[in-house]
C-alpha atoms as a PDB file:
ATOM      1  CA  MET A   1      11.303  58.815  13.015  1.00  0.00           C
ATOM      2  CA  VAL A   2       7.727  57.781  12.398  1.00  0.00           C
ATOM      3  CA  GLU A   3       8.440  57.468   8.679  1.00  0.00           C
ATOM      4  CA  VAL A   4      11.583  55.388   9.291  1.00  0.00           C
ATOM      5  CA  ARG A   5       9.705  53.135  11.690  1.00  0.00           C
ATOM      6  CA  ALA A   6       6.925  52.680   9.140  1.00  0.00           C
ATOM      7  CA  ARG A   7       9.429  51.704   6.480  1.00  0.00           C
ATOM      8  CA  ARG A   8      11.016  49.164   8.834  1.00  0.00           C
ATOM      9  CA  ILE A   9       7.639  47.614   9.683  1.00  0.00           C
ATOM     10  CA  ALA A  10       6.759  47.370   5.996  1.00  0.00           C
ATOM     11  CA  ALA A  11      10.118  45.744   5.188  1.00  0.00           C
ATOM     12  CA  ALA A  12       9.714  43.227   8.009  1.00  0.00           C
ATOM     13  CA  ALA A  13       6.194  42.389   6.844  1.00  0.00           C
ATOM     14  CA  PHE A  14       7.420  41.892   3.268  1.00  0.00           C
ATOM     15  CA  ALA A  15      10.235  39.602   4.466  1.00  0.00           C
ATOM     16  CA  ALA A  16       7.813  37.555   6.536  1.00  0.00           C
ATOM     17  CA  LEU A  17       5.486  37.161   3.570  1.00  0.00           C
ATOM     18  CA  ALA A  18       8.413  36.081   1.405  1.00  0.00           C
ATOM     19  CA  VAL A  19       9.397  33.390   3.918  1.00  0.00           C
ATOM     20  CA  LEU A  20       5.821  32.183   4.188  1.00  0.00           C
ATOM     21  CA  GLY A  21       5.528  32.134   0.424  1.00  0.00           C
ATOM     22  CA  ALA A  22       8.699  30.092   0.065  1.00  0.00           C
ATOM     23  CA  GLY A  23       7.495  27.658   2.709  1.00  0.00           C
ATOM     24  CA  ALA A  24       4.137  27.304   1.004  1.00  0.00           C
ATOM     25  CA  ALA A  25       5.797  26.698  -2.349  1.00  0.00           C
ATOM     26  CA  CYS A  26       8.019  24.053  -0.767  1.00  0.00           C
ATOM     27  CA  GLY A  27       4.966  22.431   0.791  1.00  0.00           C
ATOM     28  CA  VAL A  28       3.213  22.316  -2.578  1.00  0.00           C
ATOM     29  CA  ALA A  29       6.258  20.675  -4.145  1.00  0.00           C
ATOM     30  CA  ASP A  30       6.454  18.061  -1.401  1.00  0.00           C
ATOM     31  CA  ALA A  31       2.750  17.342  -1.635  1.00  0.00           C
ATOM     32  CA  GLY A  32       3.061  17.021  -5.392  1.00  0.00           C
ATOM     33  CA  GLU A  33       5.462  14.080  -5.263  1.00  0.00           C
ATOM     34  CA  ALA A  34       3.600  11.089  -6.644  1.00  0.00           C
ATOM     35  CA  SER A  35       3.247   8.013  -4.481  1.00  0.00           C
ATOM     36  CA  VAL A  36       4.555   4.780  -5.973  1.00  0.00           C
ATOM     37  CA  ALA A  37       0.986   3.532  -5.575  1.00  0.00           C
ATOM     38  CA  ASP A  38      -0.121   5.993  -8.272  1.00  0.00           C
ATOM     39  CA  LYS A  39       2.689   5.708 -10.820  1.00  0.00           C
ATOM     40  CA  ASP A  40       2.324   4.227 -14.299  1.00  0.00           C
ATOM     41  CA  ALA A  41       6.031   3.329 -14.474  1.00  0.00           C
ATOM     42  CA  LEU A  42       8.614   2.442 -11.834  1.00  0.00           C
ATOM     43  CA  VAL A  43      12.386   2.588 -11.569  1.00  0.00           C
ATOM     44  CA  ILE A  44      13.505  -0.092  -9.122  1.00  0.00           C
ATOM     45  CA  GLY A  45      16.979  -0.249  -7.614  1.00  0.00           C
ATOM     46  CA  VAL A  46      18.433  -3.778  -7.575  1.00  0.00           C
ATOM     47  CA  ASN A  47      21.730  -5.537  -6.960  1.00  0.00           C
ATOM     48  CA  THR A  48      23.809  -6.732  -9.891  1.00  0.00           C
ATOM     49  CA  ASP A  49      26.387  -8.976  -8.198  1.00  0.00           C
ATOM     50  CA  GLN A  50      24.501 -11.429  -5.959  1.00  0.00           C
ATOM     51  CA  PRO A  51      23.849 -14.764  -7.725  1.00  0.00           C
ATOM     52  CA  GLY A  52      20.421 -16.171  -6.916  1.00  0.00           C
ATOM     53  CA  VAL A  53      19.366 -12.856  -5.363  1.00  0.00           C
ATOM     54  CA  GLY A  54      20.079 -10.165  -7.948  1.00  0.00           C
ATOM     55  CA  VAL A  55      22.505 -10.184 -10.874  1.00  0.00           C
ATOM     56  CA  ARG A  56      22.875  -8.517 -14.235  1.00  0.00           C
ATOM     57  CA  THR A  57      23.598 -11.083 -16.914  1.00  0.00           C
ATOM     58  CA  ASP A  58      26.036 -10.729 -19.802  1.00  0.00           C
ATOM     59  CA  ASN A  59      23.202  -9.687 -22.130  1.00  0.00           C
ATOM     60  CA  GLY A  60      22.134  -6.878 -19.792  1.00  0.00           C
ATOM     61  CA  THR A  61      19.032  -8.495 -18.297  1.00  0.00           C
ATOM     62  CA  TYR A  62      18.458  -8.984 -14.560  1.00  0.00           C
ATOM     63  CA  GLU A  63      17.603 -12.174 -12.712  1.00  0.00           C
ATOM     64  CA  GLY A  64      17.305 -13.553  -9.194  1.00  0.00           C
ATOM     65  CA  PHE A  65      14.883 -13.787  -6.285  1.00  0.00           C
ATOM     66  CA  ASP A  66      14.856 -10.022  -5.658  1.00  0.00           C
ATOM     67  CA  ILE A  67      14.272  -9.345  -9.354  1.00  0.00           C
ATOM     68  CA  ASP A  68      11.235 -11.637  -9.414  1.00  0.00           C
ATOM     69  CA  VAL A  69       9.928 -10.099  -6.187  1.00  0.00           C
ATOM     70  CA  ALA A  70      10.331  -6.622  -7.676  1.00  0.00           C
ATOM     71  CA  LYS A  71       8.417  -7.619 -10.825  1.00  0.00           C
ATOM     72  CA  GLU A  72       5.622  -9.145  -8.739  1.00  0.00           C
ATOM     73  CA  ILE A  73       5.282  -6.075  -6.546  1.00  0.00           C
ATOM     74  CA  ALA A  74       5.226  -3.790  -9.579  1.00  0.00           C
ATOM     75  CA  ALA A  75       2.567  -5.924 -11.293  1.00  0.00           C
ATOM     76  CA  ARG A  76       0.393  -5.888  -8.162  1.00  0.00           C
ATOM     77  CA  LEU A  77       0.750  -2.095  -8.095  1.00  0.00           C
ATOM     78  CA  GLY A  78      -0.611  -2.058 -11.653  1.00  0.00           C
ATOM     79  CA  VAL A  79       2.739  -1.607 -13.451  1.00  0.00           C
ATOM     80  CA  ARG A  80       3.573  -4.346 -15.954  1.00  0.00           C
ATOM     81  CA  GLU A  81       7.081  -5.159 -17.185  1.00  0.00           C
ATOM     82  CA  PRO A  82       7.236  -2.637 -20.063  1.00  0.00           C
ATOM     83  CA  GLY A  83       6.827   0.058 -17.417  1.00  0.00           C
ATOM     84  CA  VAL A  84       9.413  -1.402 -15.037  1.00  0.00           C
ATOM     85  CA  ARG A  85      13.045  -0.332 -15.332  1.00  0.00           C
ATOM     86  CA  PHE A  86      15.824  -1.702 -13.162  1.00  0.00           C
ATOM     87  CA  LYS A  87      18.714   0.428 -12.010  1.00  0.00           C
ATOM     88  CA  PRO A  88      21.874  -0.876 -10.290  1.00  0.00           C
ATOM     89  CA  VAL A  89      22.381   0.056  -6.646  1.00  0.00           C
ATOM     90  CA  TYR A  90      25.115  -0.776  -4.173  1.00  0.00           C
ATOM     91  CA  SER A  91      25.078  -1.049  -0.407  1.00  0.00           C
ATOM     92  CA  ALA A  92      26.600   2.422  -0.135  1.00  0.00           C
ATOM     93  CA  THR A  93      24.216   4.149  -2.570  1.00  0.00           C
ATOM     94  CA  ARG A  94      20.718   2.886  -1.740  1.00  0.00           C
ATOM     95  CA  GLU A  95      19.598   5.652   0.638  1.00  0.00           C
ATOM     96  CA  ASP A  96      20.995   8.451  -1.529  1.00  0.00           C
ATOM     97  CA  MET A  97      19.299   7.127  -4.663  1.00  0.00           C
ATOM     98  CA  LEU A  98      15.923   6.939  -2.917  1.00  0.00           C
ATOM     99  CA  GLN A  99      16.287  10.378  -1.370  1.00  0.00           C
ATOM    100  CA  GLN A 100      17.351  11.962  -4.667  1.00  0.00           C
ATOM    101  CA  GLY A 101      14.531  10.312  -6.631  1.00  0.00           C
ATOM    102  CA  ASP A 102      16.869   8.267  -8.842  1.00  0.00           C
ATOM    103  CA  VAL A 103      14.784   5.184  -7.993  1.00  0.00           C
ATOM    104  CA  ASP A 104      11.197   4.725  -6.818  1.00  0.00           C
ATOM    105  CA  LEU A 105      11.792   1.506  -4.885  1.00  0.00           C
ATOM    106  CA  VAL A 106      14.804  -0.523  -3.783  1.00  0.00           C
ATOM    107  CA  VAL A 107      14.533  -4.319  -3.754  1.00  0.00           C
ATOM    108  CA  ALA A 108      18.128  -5.301  -3.093  1.00  0.00           C
ATOM    109  CA  SER A 109      18.658  -7.560  -0.045  1.00  0.00           C
ATOM    110  CA  TYR A 110      18.059  -4.310   1.862  1.00  0.00           C
ATOM    111  CA  SER A 111      18.046  -5.155   5.574  1.00  0.00           C
ATOM    112  CA  VAL A 112      15.818  -2.923   7.697  1.00  0.00           C
ATOM    113  CA  THR A 113      17.823  -1.168  10.422  1.00  0.00           C
ATOM    114  CA  PRO A 114      16.985   1.732  12.778  1.00  0.00           C
ATOM    115  CA  GLU A 115      19.745   3.833  11.187  1.00  0.00           C
ATOM    116  CA  ARG A 116      18.361   3.363   7.687  1.00  0.00           C
ATOM    117  CA  LYS A 117      14.783   4.067   8.797  1.00  0.00           C
ATOM    118  CA  VAL A 118      15.858   7.596   9.695  1.00  0.00           C
ATOM    119  CA  LYS A 119      16.582   8.279   6.010  1.00  0.00           C
ATOM    120  CA  VAL A 120      14.049   6.135   4.118  1.00  0.00           C
ATOM    121  CA  SER A 121      10.886   4.149   4.749  1.00  0.00           C
ATOM    122  CA  PHE A 122      10.525   0.388   4.400  1.00  0.00           C
ATOM    123  CA  ALA A 123       7.651  -1.761   3.255  1.00  0.00           C
ATOM    124  CA  GLY A 124       7.686  -5.418   4.203  1.00  0.00           C
ATOM    125  CA  PRO A 125       9.913  -7.215   4.919  1.00  0.00           C
ATOM    126  CA  TYR A 126       9.307  -9.650   2.083  1.00  0.00           C
ATOM    127  CA  TYR A 127      11.725 -12.178   3.609  1.00  0.00           C
ATOM    128  CA  VAL A 128      13.800 -12.594   6.765  1.00  0.00           C
ATOM    129  CA  ALA A 129      17.256 -13.939   6.001  1.00  0.00           C
ATOM    130  CA  HIS A 130      19.980 -14.769   8.531  1.00  0.00           C
ATOM    131  CA  GLN A 131      23.617 -13.756   8.497  1.00  0.00           C
ATOM    132  CA  ASP A 132      25.956 -16.731   8.162  1.00  0.00           C
ATOM    133  CA  ILE A 133      29.491 -17.495   6.954  1.00  0.00           C
ATOM    134  CA  LEU A 134      30.904 -18.769   3.655  1.00  0.00           C
ATOM    135  CA  VAL A 135      34.361 -20.376   3.475  1.00  0.00           C
ATOM    136  CA  ARG A 136      36.375 -22.588   1.163  1.00  0.00           C
ATOM    137  CA  ALA A 137      35.238 -26.190   1.686  1.00  0.00           C
ATOM    138  CA  ALA A 138      38.731 -27.191   2.818  1.00  0.00           C
ATOM    139  CA  ASP A 139      38.532 -24.613   5.628  1.00  0.00           C
ATOM    140  CA  ALA A 140      35.064 -25.613   6.847  1.00  0.00           C
ATOM    141  CA  PRO A 141      36.400 -27.755   9.758  1.00  0.00           C
ATOM    142  CA  LYS A 142      38.296 -24.689  11.066  1.00  0.00           C
ATOM    143  CA  VAL A 143      35.361 -22.255  10.941  1.00  0.00           C
ATOM    144  CA  ARG A 144      32.359 -23.606  12.829  1.00  0.00           C
ATOM    145  CA  ASP A 145      30.854 -20.332  14.037  1.00  0.00           C
ATOM    146  CA  ILE A 146      31.375 -16.571  14.140  1.00  0.00           C
ATOM    147  CA  HIS A 147      34.061 -16.738  16.866  1.00  0.00           C
ATOM    148  CA  ASP A 148      36.336 -18.709  14.542  1.00  0.00           C
ATOM    149  CA  LEU A 149      36.608 -15.597  12.350  1.00  0.00           C
ATOM    150  CA  GLN A 150      38.906 -14.034  14.954  1.00  0.00           C
ATOM    151  CA  GLY A 151      42.113 -12.950  13.189  1.00  0.00           C
ATOM    152  CA  ARG A 152      40.889 -14.204   9.790  1.00  0.00           C
ATOM    153  CA  ARG A 153      40.525 -12.109   6.650  1.00  0.00           C
ATOM    154  CA  LEU A 154      36.847 -11.227   6.219  1.00  0.00           C
ATOM    155  CA  CYS A 155      35.263  -9.371   3.319  1.00  0.00           C
ATOM    156  CA  LYS A 156      33.939  -5.913   4.160  1.00  0.00           C
ATOM    157  CA  VAL A 157      31.556  -4.537   1.533  1.00  0.00           C
ATOM    158  CA  ARG A 158      31.361  -0.750   1.599  1.00  0.00           C
ATOM    159  CA  GLY A 159      27.997   0.426   2.936  1.00  0.00           C
ATOM    160  CA  SER A 160      26.922  -3.030   4.129  1.00  0.00           C
ATOM    161  CA  VAL A 161      26.127  -3.742   7.777  1.00  0.00           C
ATOM    162  CA  SER A 162      27.436  -7.324   7.584  1.00  0.00           C
ATOM    163  CA  PHE A 163      31.055  -6.703   8.621  1.00  0.00           C
ATOM    164  CA  PRO A 164      30.096  -4.378  11.521  1.00  0.00           C
ATOM    165  CA  ARG A 165      27.711  -7.071  12.754  1.00  0.00           C
ATOM    166  CA  VAL A 166      30.695  -9.393  13.167  1.00  0.00           C
ATOM    167  CA  HIS A 167      33.382  -6.949  14.221  1.00  0.00           C
ATOM    168  CA  ASP A 168      31.507  -4.286  16.206  1.00  0.00           C
ATOM    169  CA  GLU A 169      28.366  -5.974  17.527  1.00  0.00           C
ATOM    170  CA  GLN A 170      29.832  -9.429  18.207  1.00  0.00           C
ATOM    171  CA  GLY A 171      33.312  -8.174  19.105  1.00  0.00           C
ATOM    172  CA  VAL A 172      35.102 -10.592  16.775  1.00  0.00           C
ATOM    173  CA  ALA A 173      38.385  -9.055  15.606  1.00  0.00           C
ATOM    174  CA  ALA A 174      38.294 -10.210  11.988  1.00  0.00           C
ATOM    175  CA  LEU A 175      40.646  -8.532   9.513  1.00  0.00           C
ATOM    176  CA  PRO A 176      38.761  -6.400   6.937  1.00  0.00           C
ATOM    177  CA  VAL A 177      39.314  -6.800   3.199  1.00  0.00           C
ATOM    178  CA  GLU A 178      37.324  -3.985   1.584  1.00  0.00           C
ATOM    179  CA  GLU A 179      35.359  -4.474  -1.646  1.00  0.00           C
ATOM    180  CA  ASP A 180      32.505  -2.749  -3.476  1.00  0.00           C
ATOM    181  CA  GLY A 181      30.286  -5.825  -3.855  1.00  0.00           C
ATOM    182  CA  TYR A 182      29.889  -9.513  -3.107  1.00  0.00           C
ATOM    183  CA  SER A 183      31.029 -10.708  -6.521  1.00  0.00           C
ATOM    184  CA  ASP A 184      34.419  -9.193  -5.612  1.00  0.00           C
ATOM    185  CA  CYS A 185      34.290 -11.005  -2.264  1.00  0.00           C
ATOM    186  CA  LEU A 186      33.660 -14.277  -4.082  1.00  0.00           C
ATOM    187  CA  THR A 187      36.641 -13.735  -6.368  1.00  0.00           C
ATOM    188  CA  ASP A 188      38.848 -12.918  -3.379  1.00  0.00           C
ATOM    189  CA  LEU A 189      37.674 -16.023  -1.529  1.00  0.00           C
ATOM    190  CA  VAL A 190      38.341 -18.507  -4.332  1.00  0.00           C
ATOM    191  CA  GLU A 191      41.686 -16.846  -5.084  1.00  0.00           C
ATOM    192  CA  ASN A 192      42.756 -17.038  -1.410  1.00  0.00           C
ATOM    193  CA  ARG A 193      42.909 -13.271  -0.815  1.00  0.00           C
ATOM    194  CA  LEU A 194      40.529 -13.628   2.114  1.00  0.00           C
ATOM    195  CA  ASP A 195      39.319 -16.418   4.393  1.00  0.00           C
ATOM    196  CA  ALA A 196      35.574 -15.888   4.681  1.00  0.00           C
ATOM    197  CA  VAL A 197      32.519 -13.953   3.564  1.00  0.00           C
ATOM    198  CA  SER A 198      29.797 -13.236   6.099  1.00  0.00           C
ATOM    199  CA  THR A 199      26.444 -11.873   5.025  1.00  0.00           C
ATOM    200  CA  ASP A 200      22.848 -13.008   4.505  1.00  0.00           C
ATOM    201  CA  ASP A 201      22.409 -16.733   3.930  1.00  0.00           C
ATOM    202  CA  LEU A 202      20.464 -16.250   0.677  1.00  0.00           C
ATOM    203  CA  ILE A 203      23.391 -14.306  -0.770  1.00  0.00           C
ATOM    204  CA  LEU A 204      25.898 -16.889   0.476  1.00  0.00           C
ATOM    205  CA  ALA A 205      23.893 -19.745  -1.052  1.00  0.00           C
ATOM    206  CA  GLY A 206      23.905 -17.956  -4.399  1.00  0.00           C
ATOM    207  CA  LEU A 207      27.640 -17.267  -4.210  1.00  0.00           C
ATOM    208  CA  ALA A 208      28.389 -20.898  -3.341  1.00  0.00           C
ATOM    209  CA  GLY A 209      26.272 -22.115  -6.252  1.00  0.00           C
ATOM    210  CA  ASN A 210      27.997 -19.738  -8.638  1.00  0.00           C
ATOM    211  CA  ALA A 211      31.435 -20.902  -7.465  1.00  0.00           C
ATOM    212  CA  SER A 212      30.416 -24.541  -7.860  1.00  0.00           C
ATOM    213  CA  GLU A 213      29.590 -23.944 -11.510  1.00  0.00           C
ATOM    214  CA  SER A 214      33.191 -22.744 -11.948  1.00  0.00           C
ATOM    215  CA  GLY A 215      34.667 -25.768 -10.200  1.00  0.00           C
ATOM    216  CA  HIS A 216      35.334 -24.131  -6.826  1.00  0.00           C
ATOM    217  CA  LYS A 217      34.071 -25.840  -3.678  1.00  0.00           C
ATOM    218  CA  LEU A 218      32.718 -23.515  -0.992  1.00  0.00           C
ATOM    219  CA  ALA A 219      30.666 -24.241   2.102  1.00  0.00           C
ATOM    220  CA  VAL A 220      28.078 -22.316   4.100  1.00  0.00           C
ATOM    221  CA  VAL A 221      28.902 -22.865   7.776  1.00  0.00           C
ATOM    222  CA  ASN A 222      25.192 -22.981   8.783  1.00  0.00           C
ATOM    223  CA  ALA A 223      25.769 -21.050  12.021  1.00  0.00           C
ATOM    224  CA  PRO A 224      23.314 -18.107  11.682  1.00  0.00           C
ATOM    225  CA  PHE A 225      23.636 -15.308  14.226  1.00  0.00           C
ATOM    226  CA  THR A 226      21.266 -12.511  13.114  1.00  0.00           C
ATOM    227  CA  ASP A 227      17.866 -11.879  11.575  1.00  0.00           C
ATOM    228  CA  GLU A 228      18.017  -9.816   8.395  1.00  0.00           C
ATOM    229  CA  PRO A 229      14.547  -8.522   7.411  1.00  0.00           C
ATOM    230  CA  TYR A 230      14.652  -7.684   3.691  1.00  0.00           C
ATOM    231  CA  GLY A 231      12.586  -4.541   3.259  1.00  0.00           C
ATOM    232  CA  VAL A 232      11.467  -2.685   0.154  1.00  0.00           C
ATOM    233  CA  GLY A 233      13.078   0.743   0.352  1.00  0.00           C
ATOM    234  CA  ILE A 234      10.719   3.607  -0.403  1.00  0.00           C
ATOM    235  CA  ARG A 235      10.853   7.395  -0.225  1.00  0.00           C
ATOM    236  CA  LYS A 236      10.429   8.696   3.308  1.00  0.00           C
ATOM    237  CA  GLY A 237       6.850   9.764   3.920  1.00  0.00           C
ATOM    238  CA  ASP A 238       5.197   7.766   1.122  1.00  0.00           C
ATOM    239  CA  GLU A 239       2.801   5.952   3.444  1.00  0.00           C
ATOM    240  CA  ASP A 240       0.265   5.195   0.691  1.00  0.00           C
ATOM    241  CA  GLY A 241       2.982   3.573  -1.386  1.00  0.00           C
ATOM    242  CA  CYS A 242       4.263   1.624   1.595  1.00  0.00           C
ATOM    243  CA  GLU A 243       0.797   0.261   2.400  1.00  0.00           C
ATOM    244  CA  ALA A 244       0.274  -0.692  -1.241  1.00  0.00           C
ATOM    245  CA  VAL A 245       3.572  -2.590  -1.329  1.00  0.00           C
ATOM    246  CA  ASN A 246       2.697  -4.350   1.935  1.00  0.00           C
ATOM    247  CA  LYS A 247      -0.597  -5.441   0.390  1.00  0.00           C
ATOM    248  CA  ALA A 248       1.285  -6.778  -2.633  1.00  0.00           C
ATOM    249  CA  ILE A 249       3.714  -8.757  -0.448  1.00  0.00           C
ATOM    250  CA  THR A 250       0.860 -10.202   1.615  1.00  0.00           C
ATOM    251  CA  GLY A 251      -0.842 -11.332  -1.596  1.00  0.00           C
ATOM    252  CA  MET A 252       2.361 -13.017  -2.782  1.00  0.00           C
ATOM    253  CA  TYR A 253       2.467 -15.162   0.348  1.00  0.00           C
ATOM    254  CA  GLN A 254      -1.253 -15.880   0.399  1.00  0.00           C
ATOM    255  CA  ASP A 255      -1.416 -17.156  -3.182  1.00  0.00           C
ATOM    256  CA  GLY A 256       1.821 -19.174  -3.028  1.00  0.00           C
ATOM    257  CA  THR A 257       3.891 -16.900  -5.274  1.00  0.00           C
ATOM    258  CA  ALA A 258       6.510 -16.213  -2.590  1.00  0.00           C
ATOM    259  CA  ALA A 259       6.954 -19.922  -1.826  1.00  0.00           C
ATOM    260  CA  ARG A 260       7.311 -20.684  -5.548  1.00  0.00           C
ATOM    261  CA  LEU A 261       9.996 -18.033  -6.011  1.00  0.00           C
ATOM    262  CA  LEU A 262      11.921 -19.135  -2.923  1.00  0.00           C
ATOM    263  CA  LYS A 263      11.863 -22.738  -4.122  1.00  0.00           C
ATOM    264  CA  ARG A 264      12.932 -21.684  -7.618  1.00  0.00           C
ATOM    265  CA  TRP A 265      16.040 -19.858  -6.457  1.00  0.00           C
ATOM    266  CA  PHE A 266      17.011 -21.649  -3.227  1.00  0.00           C
ATOM    267  CA  GLY A 267      15.200 -24.989  -3.228  1.00  0.00           C
ATOM    268  CA  THR A 268      18.384 -26.993  -3.828  1.00  0.00           C
ATOM    269  CA  SER A 269      20.664 -24.909  -1.589  1.00  0.00           C
ATOM    270  CA  GLY A 270      20.081 -26.839   1.613  1.00  0.00           C
ATOM    271  CA  LEU A 271      18.899 -23.718   3.430  1.00  0.00           C
ATOM    272  CA  LYS A 272      15.810 -23.884   5.609  1.00  0.00           C
ATOM    273  CA  ILE A 273      13.397 -21.589   3.774  1.00  0.00           C
ATOM    274  CA  THR A 274      10.478 -19.857   5.500  1.00  0.00           C
ATOM    275  CA  THR A 275       7.306 -19.580   3.440  1.00  0.00           C
ATOM    276  CA  THR A 276       5.015 -17.727   5.858  1.00  0.00           C
ATOM    277  CA  VAL A 277       4.495 -13.972   5.556  1.00  0.00           C
ATOM    278  CA  PRO A 278       6.987 -12.066   7.774  1.00  0.00           C
ATOM    279  CA  GLN A 279       5.992  -9.635  10.520  1.00  0.00           C
ATOM    280  CA  PHE A 280       5.780  -6.219   8.849  1.00  0.00           C
ATOM    281  CA  GLU A 281       7.715  -3.240  10.184  1.00  0.00           C
ATOM    282  CA  GLY A 282       4.856  -0.756   9.781  1.00  0.00           C
ATOM    283  CA  CYS A 283       4.752   2.236   7.460  1.00  0.00           C
ATOM    284  CA  VAL A 284       6.312   5.186   9.314  1.00  0.00           C
END
């Protein structure tokens, strides 16, 4: 009996050491993940279908307000353009791509919400947009605010919080038309497959401008009903990286870079643009 008991004690001790060893190894791996503040190259997740905000052009390059913001942040972190690579993200994939390490940062009209902060961290915001409504110009007299979306066909982008803000939070029974991105919403709107698009005003201004170039007349209702703080998505726990990005954003506002970029992309849109540094969320 004594011998059996001794063997059991030894086995238990060995198992405990194995568990501790595995935990220590895991801890070393976690601690070894490089902060974005220390990287020589960055992969940044961006949108590809939001004119004025983030698009991929026919020749494969990226342009828009978010793209310029991403380049500025990278440069202020010490990473110049040869070391910056953009990777497409969608509303439904942003958290997963950050968590899996597919991207280092996400700069993609990424509104900070309590639900998202459970999964990832946010630096910034670098701008506070406002959710509004885009309709065909001929329908503008019929849609003056969010309540006029009742019973109308409204684009619902998978993974975006914009439709739930209308339908769930405001209790407006709009009819969902599901799409993967806002370029699809724009096509549906001009081709009369839906009645309205509701999302951040910067995105709507870009969509309206893009439609105008193609001869389609759209109108932003100018009836904002939310604040949409655009954060820079970052891996959960990278507080050093978050603080470094916040410092970069502050510098962009202090030296006039942010105001210049906002004017470049939205100066003729008719939107009221804010050029003071937003209230930061805090790096948690």
